[in-house]
């Protein structure tokens, strides 16, 4: 089973694209286990408060492993980069700045392509 770090914008893109997350992930990494940093969950909760579209947070949290994230980093993106580099886990994201930072650290990421497909970019 592959652990996949979840970035807030990556999860929102999956939901807005209407993707079946299990089927879409199976095509790129096989069976996966979402890993959710506490700060990313807070970001998702703030996004959910501002929108009427459901982000399926109950579904995500029921399937995720939770991590506090590194204390030396306050921003969720900083935490994602650190954990991805330490654990060699890909990050689900559509954030171009985060993707660039992950590439600079030789980390993999999974991006939503054209709203309906996922692509694993590994280095």
PDB file of N, CA and C in Angstrom:
ATOM      1  N   UNK A   1       0.851  -1.182   0.000  1.00  0.00           N
ATOM      2  CA  UNK A   1       0.000   0.000   0.000  1.00  0.00           C
ATOM      3  C   UNK A   1       0.892   1.238   0.000  1.00  0.00           C
ATOM      4  N   UNK A   2       0.571   2.175  -0.852  1.00  0.00           N
ATOM      5  CA  UNK A   2       1.347   3.402  -0.983  1.00  0.00           C
ATOM      6  C   UNK A   2       0.730   4.510  -0.137  1.00  0.00           C
ATOM      7  N   UNK A   3       1.545   5.141   0.698  1.00  0.00           N
ATOM      8  CA  UNK A   3       1.085   6.310   1.444  1.00  0.00           C
ATOM      9  C   UNK A   3       1.189   7.526   0.524  1.00  0.00           C
ATOM     10  N   UNK A   4       0.148   8.354   0.542  1.00  0.00           N
ATOM     11  CA  UNK A   4       0.110   9.565  -0.277  1.00  0.00           C
ATOM     12  C   UNK A   4      -0.262  10.736   0.617  1.00  0.00           C
ATOM     13  N   UNK A   5       0.624  11.733   0.669  1.00  0.00           N
ATOM     14  CA  UNK A   5       0.327  12.959   1.403  1.00  0.00           C
ATOM     15  C   UNK A   5      -0.705  13.763   0.624  1.00  0.00           C
ATOM     16  N   UNK A   6      -1.673  14.307   1.339  1.00  0.00           N
ATOM     17  CA  UNK A   6      -2.758  15.060   0.711  1.00  0.00           C
ATOM     18  C   UNK A   6      -2.550  16.548   0.943  1.00  0.00           C
ATOM     19  N   UNK A   7      -2.512  17.311  -0.138  1.00  0.00           N
ATOM     20  CA  UNK A   7      -2.500  18.769  -0.067  1.00  0.00           C
ATOM     21  C   UNK A   7      -3.939  19.244  -0.249  1.00  0.00           C
ATOM     22  N   UNK A   8      -4.289  20.339   0.392  1.00  0.00           N
ATOM     23  CA  UNK A   8      -5.676  20.819   0.347  1.00  0.00           C
ATOM     24  C   UNK A   8      -6.151  21.053  -1.088  1.00  0.00           C
ATOM     25  N   UNK A   9      -5.359  21.734  -1.895  1.00  0.00           N
ATOM     26  CA  UNK A   9      -5.812  22.032  -3.264  1.00  0.00           C
ATOM     27  C   UNK A   9      -5.901  20.769  -4.108  1.00  0.00           C
ATOM     28  N   UNK A  10      -5.073  19.785  -3.822  1.00  0.00           N
ATOM     29  CA  UNK A  10      -5.155  18.515  -4.540  1.00  0.00           C
ATOM     30  C   UNK A  10      -6.448  17.786  -4.242  1.00  0.00           C
ATOM     31  N   UNK A  11      -6.840  17.779  -2.951  1.00  0.00           N
ATOM     32  CA  UNK A  11      -8.092  17.123  -2.581  1.00  0.00           C
ATOM     33  C   UNK A  11      -9.291  17.855  -3.193  1.00  0.00           C
ATOM     34  N   UNK A  12      -9.269  19.179  -3.137  1.00  0.00           N
ATOM     35  CA  UNK A  12     -10.365  19.965  -3.721  1.00  0.00           C
ATOM     36  C   UNK A  12     -10.475  19.670  -5.219  1.00  0.00           C
ATOM     37  N   UNK A  13      -9.348  19.568  -5.915  1.00  0.00           N
ATOM     38  CA  UNK A  13      -9.369  19.278  -7.354  1.00  0.00           C
ATOM     39  C   UNK A  13      -9.964  17.900  -7.639  1.00  0.00           C
ATOM     40  N   UNK A  14      -9.654  16.923  -6.798  1.00  0.00           N
ATOM     41  CA  UNK A  14     -10.222  15.569  -6.952  1.00  0.00           C
ATOM     42  C   UNK A  14     -11.746  15.640  -6.825  1.00  0.00           C
ATOM     43  N   UNK A  15     -12.217  16.331  -5.791  1.00  0.00           N
ATOM     44  CA  UNK A  15     -13.657  16.406  -5.531  1.00  0.00           C
ATOM     45  C   UNK A  15     -14.358  17.211  -6.619  1.00  0.00           C
ATOM     46  N   UNK A  16     -13.811  18.376  -6.965  1.00  0.00           N
ATOM     47  CA  UNK A  16     -14.433  19.206  -8.000  1.00  0.00           C
ATOM     48  C   UNK A  16     -14.441  18.513  -9.354  1.00  0.00           C
ATOM     49  N   UNK A  17     -13.444  17.671  -9.611  1.00  0.00           N
ATOM     50  CA  UNK A  17     -13.384  16.935 -10.867  1.00  0.00           C
ATOM     51  C   UNK A  17     -14.314  15.735 -10.909  1.00  0.00           C
ATOM     52  N   UNK A  18     -14.925  15.420  -9.758  1.00  0.00           N
ATOM     53  CA  UNK A  18     -15.839  14.290  -9.696  1.00  0.00           C
ATOM     54  C   UNK A  18     -15.151  12.943  -9.842  1.00  0.00           C
ATOM     55  N   UNK A  19     -13.870  12.901  -9.497  1.00  0.00           N
ATOM     56  CA  UNK A  19     -13.107  11.661  -9.632  1.00  0.00           C
ATOM     57  C   UNK A  19     -13.446  10.664  -8.534  1.00  0.00           C
ATOM     58  N   UNK A  20     -13.461   9.403  -8.879  1.00  0.00           N
ATOM     59  CA  UNK A  20     -13.497   8.341  -7.882  1.00  0.00           C
ATOM     60  C   UNK A  20     -12.053   8.189  -7.430  1.00  0.00           C
ATOM     61  N   UNK A  21     -11.763   8.634  -6.223  1.00  0.00           N
ATOM     62  CA  UNK A  21     -10.381   8.712  -5.764  1.00  0.00           C
ATOM     63  C   UNK A  21      -9.702   7.346  -5.756  1.00  0.00           C
ATOM     64  N   UNK A  22     -10.422   6.305  -5.390  1.00  0.00           N
ATOM     65  CA  UNK A  22      -9.818   4.973  -5.350  1.00  0.00           C
ATOM     66  C   UNK A  22      -9.422   4.494  -6.743  1.00  0.00           C
ATOM     67  N   UNK A  23     -10.321   4.653  -7.706  1.00  0.00           N
ATOM     68  CA  UNK A  23     -10.014   4.219  -9.070  1.00  0.00           C
ATOM     69  C   UNK A  23      -8.908   5.066  -9.692  1.00  0.00           C
ATOM     70  N   UNK A  24      -8.986   6.371  -9.480  1.00  0.00           N
ATOM     71  CA  UNK A  24      -7.981   7.263 -10.054  1.00  0.00           C
ATOM     72  C   UNK A  24      -6.600   6.982  -9.469  1.00  0.00           C
ATOM     73  N   UNK A  25      -6.526   6.791  -8.164  1.00  0.00           N
ATOM     74  CA  UNK A  25      -5.240   6.493  -7.520  1.00  0.00           C
ATOM     75  C   UNK A  25      -4.729   5.116  -7.912  1.00  0.00           C
ATOM     76  N   UNK A  26      -5.631   4.160  -8.066  1.00  0.00           N
ATOM     77  CA  UNK A  26      -5.218   2.803  -8.446  1.00  0.00           C
ATOM     78  C   UNK A  26      -4.461   2.818  -9.768  1.00  0.00           C
ATOM     79  N   UNK A  27      -4.854   3.703 -10.665  1.00  0.00           N
ATOM     80  CA  UNK A  27      -4.182   3.791 -11.962  1.00  0.00           C
ATOM     81  C   UNK A  27      -2.749   4.301 -11.854  1.00  0.00           C
ATOM     82  N   UNK A  28      -2.451   5.088 -10.812  1.00  0.00           N
ATOM     83  CA  UNK A  28      -1.106   5.678 -10.717  1.00  0.00           C
ATOM     84  C   UNK A  28      -0.235   5.083  -9.617  1.00  0.00           C
ATOM     85  N   UNK A  29      -0.826   4.654  -8.500  1.00  0.00           N
ATOM     86  CA  UNK A  29      -0.004   4.111  -7.402  1.00  0.00           C
ATOM     87  C   UNK A  29      -0.533   2.801  -6.835  1.00  0.00           C
ATOM     88  N   UNK A  30      -1.633   2.310  -7.348  1.00  0.00           N
ATOM     89  CA  UNK A  30      -2.228   1.096  -6.784  1.00  0.00           C
ATOM     90  C   UNK A  30      -3.046   1.451  -5.553  1.00  0.00           C
ATOM     91  N   UNK A  31      -3.140   0.505  -4.635  1.00  0.00           N
ATOM     92  CA  UNK A  31      -3.865   0.761  -3.393  1.00  0.00           C
ATOM     93  C   UNK A  31      -3.105   1.819  -2.601  1.00  0.00           C
ATOM     94  N   UNK A  32      -3.848   2.790  -2.068  1.00  0.00           N
ATOM     95  CA  UNK A  32      -3.164   3.877  -1.363  1.00  0.00           C
ATOM     96  C   UNK A  32      -3.809   4.144  -0.014  1.00  0.00           C
ATOM     97  N   UNK A  33      -3.014   4.787   0.835  1.00  0.00           N
ATOM     98  CA  UNK A  33      -3.486   5.226   2.140  1.00  0.00           C
ATOM     99  C   UNK A  33      -3.224   6.724   2.235  1.00  0.00           C
ATOM    100  N   UNK A  34      -4.279   7.534   2.358  1.00  0.00           N
ATOM    101  CA  UNK A  34      -4.067   8.974   2.482  1.00  0.00           C
ATOM    102  C   UNK A  34      -3.382   9.314   3.806  1.00  0.00           C
ATOM    103  N   UNK A  35      -2.439  10.236   3.739  1.00  0.00           N
ATOM    104  CA  UNK A  35      -1.773  10.754   4.932  1.00  0.00           C
ATOM    105  C   UNK A  35      -2.107  12.234   4.995  1.00  0.00           C
ATOM    106  N   UNK A  36      -2.710  12.635   6.098  1.00  0.00           N
ATOM    107  CA  UNK A  36      -3.225  13.993   6.240  1.00  0.00           C
ATOM    108  C   UNK A  36      -2.522  14.690   7.400  1.00  0.00           C
ATOM    109  N   UNK A  37      -1.850  15.782   7.085  1.00  0.00           N
ATOM    110  CA  UNK A  37      -1.238  16.598   8.133  1.00  0.00           C
ATOM    111  C   UNK A  37      -2.322  17.442   8.791  1.00  0.00           C
ATOM    112  N   UNK A  38      -2.185  17.665  10.086  1.00  0.00           N
ATOM    113  CA  UNK A  38      -3.213  18.412  10.828  1.00  0.00           C
ATOM    114  C   UNK A  38      -3.438  19.808  10.243  1.00  0.00           C
ATOM    115  N   UNK A  39      -2.361  20.466   9.818  1.00  0.00           N
ATOM    116  CA  UNK A  39      -2.514  21.816   9.243  1.00  0.00           C
ATOM    117  C   UNK A  39      -3.245  21.778   7.898  1.00  0.00           C
ATOM    118  N   UNK A  40      -3.045  20.717   7.145  1.00  0.00           N
ATOM    119  CA  UNK A  40      -3.771  20.571   5.875  1.00  0.00           C
ATOM    120  C   UNK A  40      -5.254  20.362   6.155  1.00  0.00           C
ATOM    121  N   UNK A  41      -5.565  19.559   7.168  1.00  0.00           N
ATOM    122  CA  UNK A  41      -6.967  19.364   7.541  1.00  0.00           C
ATOM    123  C   UNK A  41      -7.602  20.693   7.938  1.00  0.00           C
ATOM    124  N   UNK A  42      -6.879  21.523   8.680  1.00  0.00           N
ATOM    125  CA  UNK A  42      -7.416  22.839   9.056  1.00  0.00           C
ATOM    126  C   UNK A  42      -7.684  23.691   7.814  1.00  0.00           C
ATOM    127  N   UNK A  43      -6.781  23.632   6.845  1.00  0.00           N
ATOM    128  CA  UNK A  43      -7.000  24.351   5.579  1.00  0.00           C
ATOM    129  C   UNK A  43      -8.276  23.871   4.898  1.00  0.00           C
ATOM    130  N   UNK A  44      -8.443  22.562   4.825  1.00  0.00           N
ATOM    131  CA  UNK A  44      -9.635  21.996   4.187  1.00  0.00           C
ATOM    132  C   UNK A  44     -10.908  22.397   4.924  1.00  0.00           C
ATOM    133  N   UNK A  45     -10.860  22.413   6.243  1.00  0.00           N
ATOM    134  CA  UNK A  45     -12.031  22.818   7.026  1.00  0.00           C
ATOM    135  C   UNK A  45     -12.374  24.278   6.767  1.00  0.00           C
ATOM    136  N   UNK A  46     -11.357  25.132   6.628  1.00  0.00           N
ATOM    137  CA  UNK A  46     -11.603  26.544   6.325  1.00  0.00           C
ATOM    138  C   UNK A  46     -12.206  26.700   4.928  1.00  0.00           C
ATOM    139  N   UNK A  47     -11.721  25.930   3.975  1.00  0.00           N
ATOM    140  CA  UNK A  47     -12.279  25.969   2.619  1.00  0.00           C
ATOM    141  C   UNK A  47     -13.731  25.505   2.648  1.00  0.00           C
ATOM    142  N   UNK A  48     -14.006  24.428   3.400  1.00  0.00           N
ATOM    143  CA  UNK A  48     -15.362  23.885   3.478  1.00  0.00           C
ATOM    144  C   UNK A  48     -16.338  24.907   4.048  1.00  0.00           C
ATOM    145  N   UNK A  49     -15.883  25.696   5.036  1.00  0.00           N
ATOM    146  CA  UNK A  49     -16.740  26.717   5.640  1.00  0.00           C
ATOM    147  C   UNK A  49     -17.149  27.792   4.635  1.00  0.00           C
ATOM    148  N   UNK A  50     -16.320  28.008   3.613  1.00  0.00           N
ATOM    149  CA  UNK A  50     -16.565  29.081   2.652  1.00  0.00           C
ATOM    150  C   UNK A  50     -17.298  28.626   1.398  1.00  0.00           C
ATOM    151  N   UNK A  51     -17.602  27.341   1.301  1.00  0.00           N
ATOM    152  CA  UNK A  51     -18.255  26.838   0.092  1.00  0.00           C
ATOM    153  C   UNK A  51     -19.467  25.994   0.450  1.00  0.00           C
ATOM    154  N   UNK A  52     -20.399  25.936  -0.470  1.00  0.00           N
ATOM    155  CA  UNK A  52     -21.576  25.094  -0.249  1.00  0.00           C
ATOM    156  C   UNK A  52     -21.381  23.699  -0.836  1.00  0.00           C
ATOM    157  N   UNK A  53     -20.363  23.535  -1.658  1.00  0.00           N
ATOM    158  CA  UNK A  53     -20.079  22.218  -2.242  1.00  0.00           C
ATOM    159  C   UNK A  53     -19.393  21.331  -1.207  1.00  0.00           C
ATOM    160  N   UNK A  54     -19.874  20.114  -1.028  1.00  0.00           N
ATOM    161  CA  UNK A  54     -19.242  19.230  -0.047  1.00  0.00           C
ATOM    162  C   UNK A  54     -17.857  18.779  -0.509  1.00  0.00           C
ATOM    163  N   UNK A  55     -16.897  18.813   0.403  1.00  0.00           N
ATOM    164  CA  UNK A  55     -15.542  18.364   0.100  1.00  0.00           C
ATOM    165  C   UNK A  55     -15.284  16.938   0.584  1.00  0.00           C
ATOM    166  N   UNK A  56     -16.338  16.286   1.075  1.00  0.00           N
ATOM    167  CA  UNK A  56     -16.239  14.897   1.538  1.00  0.00           C
ATOM    168  C   UNK A  56     -15.136  14.715   2.577  1.00  0.00           C
ATOM    169  N   UNK A  57     -15.069  15.669   3.507  1.00  0.00           N
ATOM    170  CA  UNK A  57     -14.033  15.604   4.536  1.00  0.00           C
ATOM    171  C   UNK A  57     -14.224  14.416   5.469  1.00  0.00           C
ATOM    172  N   UNK A  58     -15.477  14.036   5.751  1.00  0.00           N
ATOM    173  CA  UNK A  58     -15.708  12.856   6.590  1.00  0.00           C
ATOM    174  C   UNK A  58     -15.128  11.611   5.930  1.00  0.00           C
ATOM    175  N   UNK A  59     -15.322  11.493   4.629  1.00  0.00           N
ATOM    176  CA  UNK A  59     -14.760  10.373   3.875  1.00  0.00           C
ATOM    177  C   UNK A  59     -13.237  10.389   3.956  1.00  0.00           C
ATOM    178  N   UNK A  60     -12.638  11.553   3.717  1.00  0.00           N
ATOM    179  CA  UNK A  60     -11.180  11.668   3.747  1.00  0.00           C
ATOM    180  C   UNK A  60     -10.626  11.346   5.131  1.00  0.00           C
ATOM    181  N   UNK A  61     -11.218  11.933   6.156  1.00  0.00           N
ATOM    182  CA  UNK A  61     -10.677  11.726   7.504  1.00  0.00           C
ATOM    183  C   UNK A  61     -10.878  10.297   7.991  1.00  0.00           C
ATOM    184  N   UNK A  62     -11.926   9.634   7.540  1.00  0.00           N
ATOM    185  CA  UNK A  62     -12.161   8.255   7.984  1.00  0.00           C
ATOM    186  C   UNK A  62     -11.144   7.284   7.392  1.00  0.00           C
ATOM    187  N   UNK A  63     -10.500   7.677   6.315  1.00  0.00           N
ATOM    188  CA  UNK A  63      -9.553   6.784   5.642  1.00  0.00           C
ATOM    189  C   UNK A  63      -8.105   7.185   5.833  1.00  0.00           C
ATOM    190  N   UNK A  64      -7.870   8.312   6.466  1.00  0.00           N
ATOM    191  CA  UNK A  64      -6.516   8.865   6.524  1.00  0.00           C
ATOM    192  C   UNK A  64      -5.773   8.482   7.792  1.00  0.00           C
ATOM    193  N   UNK A  65      -4.458   8.473   7.643  1.00  0.00           N
ATOM    194  CA  UNK A  65      -3.543   8.446   8.772  1.00  0.00           C
ATOM    195  C   UNK A  65      -3.216   9.911   9.039  1.00  0.00           C
ATOM    196  N   UNK A  66      -3.213  10.307  10.306  1.00  0.00           N
ATOM    197  CA  UNK A  66      -2.951  11.704  10.655  1.00  0.00           C
ATOM    198  C   UNK A  66      -1.542  11.879  11.196  1.00  0.00           C
ATOM    199  N   UNK A  67      -0.905  12.972  10.779  1.00  0.00           N
ATOM    200  CA  UNK A  67       0.405  13.351  11.295  1.00  0.00           C
ATOM    201  C   UNK A  67       0.340  14.796  11.764  1.00  0.00           C
ATOM    202  N   UNK A  68       1.056  15.083  12.823  1.00  0.00           N
ATOM    203  CA  UNK A  68       1.139  16.466  13.307  1.00  0.00           C
ATOM    204  C   UNK A  68       1.894  17.348  12.327  1.00  0.00           C
ATOM    205  N   UNK A  69       2.892  16.815  11.705  1.00  0.00           N
ATOM    206  CA  UNK A  69       3.757  17.623  10.847  1.00  0.00           C
ATOM    207  C   UNK A  69       4.936  18.127  11.647  1.00  0.00           C
ATOM    208  N   UNK A  70       6.027  18.423  10.972  1.00  0.00           N
ATOM    209  CA  UNK A  70       7.237  18.872  11.660  1.00  0.00           C
ATOM    210  C   UNK A  70       7.019  20.193  12.392  1.00  0.00           C
ATOM    211  N   UNK A  71       7.516  20.249  13.611  1.00  0.00           N
ATOM    212  CA  UNK A  71       7.350  21.461  14.427  1.00  0.00           C
ATOM    213  C   UNK A  71       8.115  22.647  13.870  1.00  0.00           C
ATOM    214  N   UNK A  72       9.216  22.384  13.158  1.00  0.00           N
ATOM    215  CA  UNK A  72      10.042  23.489  12.668  1.00  0.00           C
ATOM    216  C   UNK A  72       9.397  24.245  11.507  1.00  0.00           C
ATOM    217  N   UNK A  73       8.291  23.728  10.989  1.00  0.00           N
ATOM    218  CA  UNK A  73       7.612  24.371   9.863  1.00  0.00           C
ATOM    219  C   UNK A  73       6.180  24.712  10.256  1.00  0.00           C
ATOM    220  N   UNK A  74       5.775  25.938   9.980  1.00  0.00           N
ATOM    221  CA  UNK A  74       4.415  26.367  10.312  1.00  0.00           C
ATOM    222  C   UNK A  74       3.448  26.232   9.146  1.00  0.00           C
ATOM    223  N   UNK A  75       3.920  26.473   7.944  1.00  0.00           N
ATOM    224  CA  UNK A  75       3.033  26.444   6.776  1.00  0.00           C
ATOM    225  C   UNK A  75       2.827  25.006   6.317  1.00  0.00           C
ATOM    226  N   UNK A  76       1.591  24.653   5.945  1.00  0.00           N
ATOM    227  CA  UNK A  76       1.324  23.284   5.487  1.00  0.00           C
ATOM    228  C   UNK A  76       2.215  22.842   4.321  1.00  0.00           C
ATOM    229  N   UNK A  77       2.489  23.747   3.382  1.00  0.00           N
ATOM    230  CA  UNK A  77       3.344  23.365   2.253  1.00  0.00           C
ATOM    231  C   UNK A  77       4.755  23.021   2.718  1.00  0.00           C
ATOM    232  N   UNK A  78       5.282  23.803   3.666  1.00  0.00           N
ATOM    233  CA  UNK A  78       6.606  23.502   4.214  1.00  0.00           C
ATOM    234  C   UNK A  78       6.607  22.126   4.869  1.00  0.00           C
ATOM    235  N   UNK A  79       5.553  21.839   5.617  1.00  0.00           N
ATOM    236  CA  UNK A  79       5.446  20.542   6.274  1.00  0.00           C
ATOM    237  C   UNK A  79       5.346  19.413   5.255  1.00  0.00           C
ATOM    238  N   UNK A  80       4.569  19.615   4.202  1.00  0.00           N
ATOM    239  CA  UNK A  80       4.428  18.587   3.168  1.00  0.00           C
ATOM    240  C   UNK A  80       5.769  18.276   2.504  1.00  0.00           C
ATOM    241  N   UNK A  81       6.545  19.304   2.199  1.00  0.00           N
ATOM    242  CA  UNK A  81       7.849  19.097   1.562  1.00  0.00           C
ATOM    243  C   UNK A  81       8.779  18.325   2.493  1.00  0.00           C
ATOM    244  N   UNK A  82       8.800  18.685   3.759  1.00  0.00           N
ATOM    245  CA  UNK A  82       9.674  18.004   4.715  1.00  0.00           C
ATOM    246  C   UNK A  82       9.288  16.537   4.850  1.00  0.00           C
ATOM    247  N   UNK A  83       8.012  16.275   5.062  1.00  0.00           N
ATOM    248  CA  UNK A  83       7.567  14.887   5.248  1.00  0.00           C
ATOM    249  C   UNK A  83       7.769  14.081   3.964  1.00  0.00           C
ATOM    250  N   UNK A  84       7.458  14.667   2.820  1.00  0.00           N
ATOM    251  CA  UNK A  84       7.645  13.961   1.546  1.00  0.00           C
ATOM    252  C   UNK A  84       9.106  13.572   1.347  1.00  0.00           C
ATOM    253  N   UNK A  85      10.015  14.479   1.689  1.00  0.00           N
ATOM    254  CA  UNK A  85      11.436  14.178   1.501  1.00  0.00           C
ATOM    255  C   UNK A  85      11.938  13.163   2.524  1.00  0.00           C
ATOM    256  N   UNK A  86      11.419  13.210   3.740  1.00  0.00           N
ATOM    257  CA  UNK A  86      11.851  12.257   4.768  1.00  0.00           C
ATOM    258  C   UNK A  86      11.303  10.858   4.523  1.00  0.00           C
ATOM    259  N   UNK A  87      10.052  10.776   4.114  1.00  0.00           N
ATOM    260  CA  UNK A  87       9.374   9.479   3.996  1.00  0.00           C
ATOM    261  C   UNK A  87       9.349   8.924   2.568  1.00  0.00           C
ATOM    262  N   UNK A  88       9.716   9.770   1.603  1.00  0.00           N
ATOM    263  CA  UNK A  88       9.655   9.379   0.195  1.00  0.00           C
ATOM    264  C   UNK A  88       8.225   9.037  -0.237  1.00  0.00           C
ATOM    265  N   UNK A  89       7.266   9.843   0.229  1.00  0.00           N
ATOM    266  CA  UNK A  89       5.862   9.686  -0.131  1.00  0.00           C
ATOM    267  C   UNK A  89       5.502  10.736  -1.174  1.00  0.00           C
ATOM    268  N   UNK A  90       4.704  10.385  -2.177  1.00  0.00           N
ATOM    269  CA  UNK A  90       4.234  11.395  -3.121  1.00  0.00           C
ATOM    270  C   UNK A  90       3.184  12.301  -2.471  1.00  0.00           C
ATOM    271  N   UNK A  91       3.035  13.492  -3.031  1.00  0.00           N
ATOM    272  CA  UNK A  91       2.064  14.472  -2.545  1.00  0.00           C
ATOM    273  C   UNK A  91       1.015  14.696  -3.631  1.00  0.00           C
ATOM    274  N   UNK A  92      -0.256  14.570  -3.275  1.00  0.00           N
ATOM    275  CA  UNK A  92      -1.350  14.905  -4.190  1.00  0.00           C
ATOM    276  C   UNK A  92      -1.528  16.417  -4.157  1.00  0.00           C
ATOM    277  N   UNK A  93      -1.274  17.091  -5.283  1.00  0.00           N
ATOM    278  CA  UNK A  93      -1.371  18.546  -5.315  1.00  0.00           C
ATOM    279  C   UNK A  93      -1.581  19.051  -6.738  1.00  0.00           C
ATOM    280  N   UNK A  94      -2.142  20.240  -6.847  1.00  0.00           N
ATOM    281  CA  UNK A  94      -2.200  20.966  -8.118  1.00  0.00           C
ATOM    282  C   UNK A  94      -1.491  22.314  -7.989  1.00  0.00           C
ATOM    283  N   UNK A  95      -0.909  22.572  -6.842  1.00  0.00           N
ATOM    284  CA  UNK A  95      -0.230  23.829  -6.539  1.00  0.00           C
ATOM    285  C   UNK A  95       1.124  23.863  -7.260  1.00  0.00           C
ATOM    286  N   UNK A  96       1.278  24.783  -8.213  1.00  0.00           N
ATOM    287  CA  UNK A  96       2.504  24.822  -9.018  1.00  0.00           C
ATOM    288  C   UNK A  96       3.745  25.153  -8.186  1.00  0.00           C
ATOM    289  N   UNK A  97       3.614  26.030  -7.204  1.00  0.00           N
ATOM    290  CA  UNK A  97       4.769  26.350  -6.350  1.00  0.00           C
ATOM    291  C   UNK A  97       5.187  25.147  -5.515  1.00  0.00           C
ATOM    292  N   UNK A  98       4.204  24.450  -4.973  1.00  0.00           N
ATOM    293  CA  UNK A  98       4.510  23.261  -4.182  1.00  0.00           C
ATOM    294  C   UNK A  98       5.146  22.194  -5.069  1.00  0.00           C
ATOM    295  N   UNK A  99       4.626  22.004  -6.270  1.00  0.00           N
ATOM    296  CA  UNK A  99       5.214  21.020  -7.185  1.00  0.00           C
ATOM    297  C   UNK A  99       6.673  21.363  -7.475  1.00  0.00           C
ATOM    298  N   UNK A 100       6.970  22.638  -7.695  1.00  0.00           N
ATOM    299  CA  UNK A 100       8.351  23.054  -7.963  1.00  0.00           C
ATOM    300  C   UNK A 100       9.250  22.760  -6.765  1.00  0.00           C
ATOM    301  N   UNK A 101       8.770  23.050  -5.583  1.00  0.00           N
ATOM    302  CA  UNK A 101       9.557  22.778  -4.372  1.00  0.00           C
ATOM    303  C   UNK A 101       9.799  21.283  -4.200  1.00  0.00           C
ATOM    304  N   UNK A 102       8.790  20.479  -4.505  1.00  0.00           N
ATOM    305  CA  UNK A 102       8.950  19.028  -4.406  1.00  0.00           C
ATOM    306  C   UNK A 102       9.993  18.532  -5.407  1.00  0.00           C
ATOM    307  N   UNK A 103       9.960  19.056  -6.624  1.00  0.00           N
ATOM    308  CA  UNK A 103      10.952  18.678  -7.634  1.00  0.00           C
ATOM    309  C   UNK A 103      12.356  19.039  -7.155  1.00  0.00           C
ATOM    310  N   UNK A 104      12.507  20.228  -6.584  1.00  0.00           N
ATOM    311  CA  UNK A 104      13.815  20.663  -6.087  1.00  0.00           C
ATOM    312  C   UNK A 104      14.352  19.749  -4.991  1.00  0.00           C
ATOM    313  N   UNK A 105      13.453  19.090  -4.269  1.00  0.00           N
ATOM    314  CA  UNK A 105      13.853  18.171  -3.194  1.00  0.00           C
ATOM    315  C   UNK A 105      13.830  16.710  -3.662  1.00  0.00           C
ATOM    316  N   UNK A 106      13.695  16.506  -4.978  1.00  0.00           N
ATOM    317  CA  UNK A 106      13.641  15.155  -5.555  1.00  0.00           C
ATOM    318  C   UNK A 106      12.495  14.325  -5.002  1.00  0.00           C
ATOM    319  N   UNK A 107      11.360  14.970  -4.792  1.00  0.00           N
ATOM    320  CA  UNK A 107      10.167  14.292  -4.281  1.00  0.00           C
ATOM    321  C   UNK A 107       9.154  14.108  -5.409  1.00  0.00           C
ATOM    322  N   UNK A 108       8.333  13.088  -5.271  1.00  0.00           N
ATOM    323  CA  UNK A 108       7.288  12.798  -6.253  1.00  0.00           C
ATOM    324  C   UNK A 108       6.006  13.540  -5.896  1.00  0.00           C
ATOM    325  N   UNK A 109       5.188  13.754  -6.917  1.00  0.00           N
ATOM    326  CA  UNK A 109       3.860  14.303  -6.662  1.00  0.00           C
ATOM    327  C   UNK A 109       2.868  13.696  -7.640  1.00  0.00           C
ATOM    328  N   UNK A 110       1.605  13.768  -7.254  1.00  0.00           N
ATOM    329  CA  UNK A 110       0.503  13.309  -8.088  1.00  0.00           C
ATOM    330  C   UNK A 110      -0.335  14.538  -8.393  1.00  0.00           C
ATOM    331  N   UNK A 111      -0.567  14.782  -9.678  1.00  0.00           N
ATOM    332  CA  UNK A 111      -1.337  15.961 -10.059  1.00  0.00           C
ATOM    333  C   UNK A 111      -2.603  15.557 -10.786  1.00  0.00           C
ATOM    334  N   UNK A 112      -3.604  16.406 -10.669  1.00  0.00           N
ATOM    335  CA  UNK A 112      -4.864  16.207 -11.378  1.00  0.00           C
ATOM    336  C   UNK A 112      -4.702  16.836 -12.755  1.00  0.00           C
ATOM    337  N   UNK A 113      -4.918  16.028 -13.779  1.00  0.00           N
ATOM    338  CA  UNK A 113      -4.763  16.481 -15.162  1.00  0.00           C
ATOM    339  C   UNK A 113      -6.141  16.626 -15.801  1.00  0.00           C
ATOM    340  N   UNK A 114      -6.412  17.757 -16.388  1.00  0.00           N
ATOM    341  CA  UNK A 114      -7.661  17.984 -17.125  1.00  0.00           C
ATOM    342  C   UNK A 114      -8.900  17.625 -16.314  1.00  0.00           C
ATOM    343  N   UNK A 115      -8.796  17.696 -14.993  1.00  0.00           N
ATOM    344  CA  UNK A 115      -9.945  17.450 -14.139  1.00  0.00           C
ATOM    345  C   UNK A 115     -10.372  16.010 -14.009  1.00  0.00           C
ATOM    346  N   UNK A 116      -9.916  15.118 -14.873  1.00  0.00           N
ATOM    347  CA  UNK A 116     -10.421  13.746 -14.856  1.00  0.00           C
ATOM    348  C   UNK A 116      -9.355  12.666 -14.706  1.00  0.00           C
ATOM    349  N   UNK A 117      -8.095  13.007 -14.797  1.00  0.00           N
ATOM    350  CA  UNK A 117      -7.028  12.017 -14.715  1.00  0.00           C
ATOM    351  C   UNK A 117      -5.974  12.450 -13.715  1.00  0.00           C
ATOM    352  N   UNK A 118      -5.287  11.464 -13.156  1.00  0.00           N
ATOM    353  CA  UNK A 118      -4.162  11.741 -12.277  1.00  0.00           C
ATOM    354  C   UNK A 118      -2.881  11.324 -12.980  1.00  0.00           C
ATOM    355  N   UNK A 119      -1.797  12.006 -12.630  1.00  0.00           N
ATOM    356  CA  UNK A 119      -0.489  11.663 -13.185  1.00  0.00           C
ATOM    357  C   UNK A 119       0.535  11.711 -12.068  1.00  0.00           C
ATOM    358  N   UNK A 120       1.321  10.645 -11.971  1.00  0.00           N
ATOM    359  CA  UNK A 120       2.411  10.587 -11.002  1.00  0.00           C
ATOM    360  C   UNK A 120       3.662  11.128 -11.662  1.00  0.00           C
ATOM    361  N   UNK A 121       4.264  12.127 -11.037  1.00  0.00           N
ATOM    362  CA  UNK A 121       5.537  12.670 -11.496  1.00  0.00           C
ATOM    363  C   UNK A 121       6.561  12.276 -10.450  1.00  0.00           C
ATOM    364  N   UNK A 122       7.448  11.366 -10.829  1.00  0.00           N
ATOM    365  CA  UNK A 122       8.455  10.916  -9.870  1.00  0.00           C
ATOM    366  C   UNK A 122       9.842  11.177 -10.422  1.00  0.00           C
ATOM    367  N   UNK A 123      10.739  11.454  -9.504  1.00  0.00           N
ATOM    368  CA  UNK A 123      12.110  11.803  -9.889  1.00  0.00           C
ATOM    369  C   UNK A 123      13.073  10.737  -9.419  1.00  0.00           C
TER     370      UNK A 123
END
